[in-house]
Protein backbone atom coordinates (compact mmCIF):
# COMPACT_ATOMS: atom_id res chain seq x y z
CA UNK A 1 -30.02 23.81 32.29
CA UNK A 2 -30.24 21.78 35.38
CA UNK A 3 -28.66 18.68 33.66
CA UNK A 4 -25.48 20.37 33.14
CA UNK A 5 -22.37 18.29 33.60
CA UNK A 6 -24.40 15.00 33.90
CA UNK A 7 -24.26 12.23 31.45
CA UNK A 8 -26.45 9.11 31.11
CA UNK A 9 -23.68 7.23 29.42
CA UNK A 10 -21.60 4.80 31.39
CA UNK A 11 -17.82 5.55 31.21
CA UNK A 12 -15.73 2.57 29.79
CA UNK A 13 -14.31 0.39 32.41
CA UNK A 14 -10.60 1.02 32.12
CA UNK A 15 -8.42 -1.15 34.36
CA UNK A 16 -6.21 0.61 36.52
CA UNK A 17 -2.47 -0.33 36.25
CA UNK A 18 -1.11 -1.55 39.42
CA UNK A 19 1.56 0.50 40.82
CA UNK A 20 4.20 -1.21 42.45
CA UNK A 21 4.20 -0.69 46.22
CA UNK A 22 8.12 -0.90 46.88
CA UNK A 23 11.42 -0.97 44.88
CA UNK A 24 11.37 -4.71 45.23
CA UNK A 25 8.14 -5.01 43.61
CA UNK A 26 9.52 -2.66 40.63
CA UNK A 27 12.63 -4.99 40.23
CA UNK A 28 10.34 -8.16 40.14
CA UNK A 29 8.16 -6.42 37.48
CA UNK A 30 11.43 -5.48 35.52
CA UNK A 31 12.67 -8.93 35.73
CA UNK A 32 9.35 -10.49 34.71
CA UNK A 33 9.16 -8.14 31.73
CA UNK A 34 12.79 -8.48 30.80
CA UNK A 35 12.16 -12.42 30.64
CA UNK A 36 8.87 -11.87 28.61
CA UNK A 37 11.01 -9.76 26.26
CA UNK A 38 13.62 -12.27 25.94
CA UNK A 39 11.08 -14.98 25.04
CA UNK A 40 9.63 -12.67 22.46
CA UNK A 41 12.90 -11.95 20.91
CA UNK A 42 13.67 -15.73 20.82
CA UNK A 43 10.50 -16.52 19.16
CA UNK A 44 11.05 -13.75 16.64
CA UNK A 45 14.54 -15.13 15.89
CA UNK A 46 12.84 -18.51 15.36
CA UNK A 47 10.11 -17.25 12.98
CA UNK A 48 12.70 -15.13 11.05
CA UNK A 49 14.85 -18.34 10.56
CA UNK A 50 11.85 -20.37 9.46
CA UNK A 51 10.88 -17.66 7.00
CA UNK A 52 14.30 -17.50 5.57
CA UNK A 53 14.44 -21.32 5.30
CA UNK A 54 10.96 -21.30 3.61
CA UNK A 55 12.28 -18.63 1.12
CA UNK A 56 15.38 -20.66 0.38
CA UNK A 57 13.32 -23.84 -0.09
CA UNK A 58 11.15 -21.98 -2.57
CA UNK A 59 14.07 -20.79 -4.53
CA UNK A 60 15.63 -24.28 -4.47
CA UNK A 61 12.31 -25.79 -5.93
CA UNK A 62 12.16 -23.06 -8.62
CA UNK A 63 15.96 -23.75 -9.67
CA UNK A 64 15.24 -27.50 -9.80
CA UNK A 65 12.13 -26.89 -11.93
CA UNK A 66 13.90 -24.60 -14.44
CA UNK A 67 16.87 -27.23 -14.63
CA UNK A 68 14.18 -30.00 -15.28
CA UNK A 69 12.57 -28.05 -18.02
CA UNK A 70 15.96 -27.17 -19.66
CA UNK A 71 16.87 -30.96 -19.58
CA UNK A 72 13.42 -31.98 -20.96
CA UNK A 73 13.88 -29.41 -23.71
CA UNK A 74 17.51 -30.60 -24.37
CA UNK A 75 16.23 -34.16 -24.71
CA UNK A 76 13.69 -32.93 -27.01
CA UNK A 77 15.99 -30.98 -29.18
CA UNK A 78 18.51 -33.80 -29.30
CA UNK A 79 15.72 -36.41 -30.25
CA UNK A 80 15.31 -34.58 -33.69
CA UNK A 81 18.39 -35.54 -35.67
CA UNK A 82 19.71 -32.45 -37.88
CA UNK A 83 19.22 -34.58 -40.87
CA UNK A 84 15.50 -35.04 -40.13
CA UNK A 85 15.05 -31.49 -39.17
CA UNK A 86 16.66 -30.23 -42.43
CA UNK A 87 14.30 -32.52 -44.55
CA UNK A 88 11.20 -31.74 -42.56
CA UNK A 89 8.91 -29.00 -43.18
CA UNK A 90 9.44 -25.32 -42.24
CA UNK A 91 7.14 -25.82 -39.19
CA UNK A 92 9.20 -28.66 -37.65
CA UNK A 93 12.40 -26.77 -38.25
CA UNK A 94 10.92 -23.64 -36.70
CA UNK A 95 9.82 -25.75 -33.54
CA UNK A 96 13.09 -27.43 -33.27
CA UNK A 97 15.03 -24.03 -33.31
CA UNK A 98 12.47 -22.66 -30.84
CA UNK A 99 13.16 -25.52 -28.41
CA UNK A 100 16.89 -24.98 -28.76
CA UNK A 101 16.55 -21.32 -28.18
CA UNK A 102 14.27 -21.77 -25.21
CA UNK A 103 16.77 -24.42 -23.58
CA UNK A 104 19.70 -21.99 -24.23
CA UNK A 105 17.84 -19.23 -22.33
CA UNK A 106 17.10 -21.62 -19.30
CA UNK A 107 20.72 -22.88 -18.93
């Protein structure tokens, strides 16, 4: 066939990488890339620091919430005197015991 080796598709426009003309240009390029690398490393350190701080803040919030729940359960358990719990029905005693057990696990 006479169309052998020809294509109607356009080749993608791939930019050519500039080749440095001299050693000095190589050194300038290296310095530029080294500076860019250092900037990116500093950004990475900053992002890692922010990430770790966010994790620590989340953990602190979780701990504070657990303490608040335990304190609230403690106040609830202490608000029912033992004499009232023993006189109350089985459901109230079971609820009071459950609150005390839950508080014990949280503290």
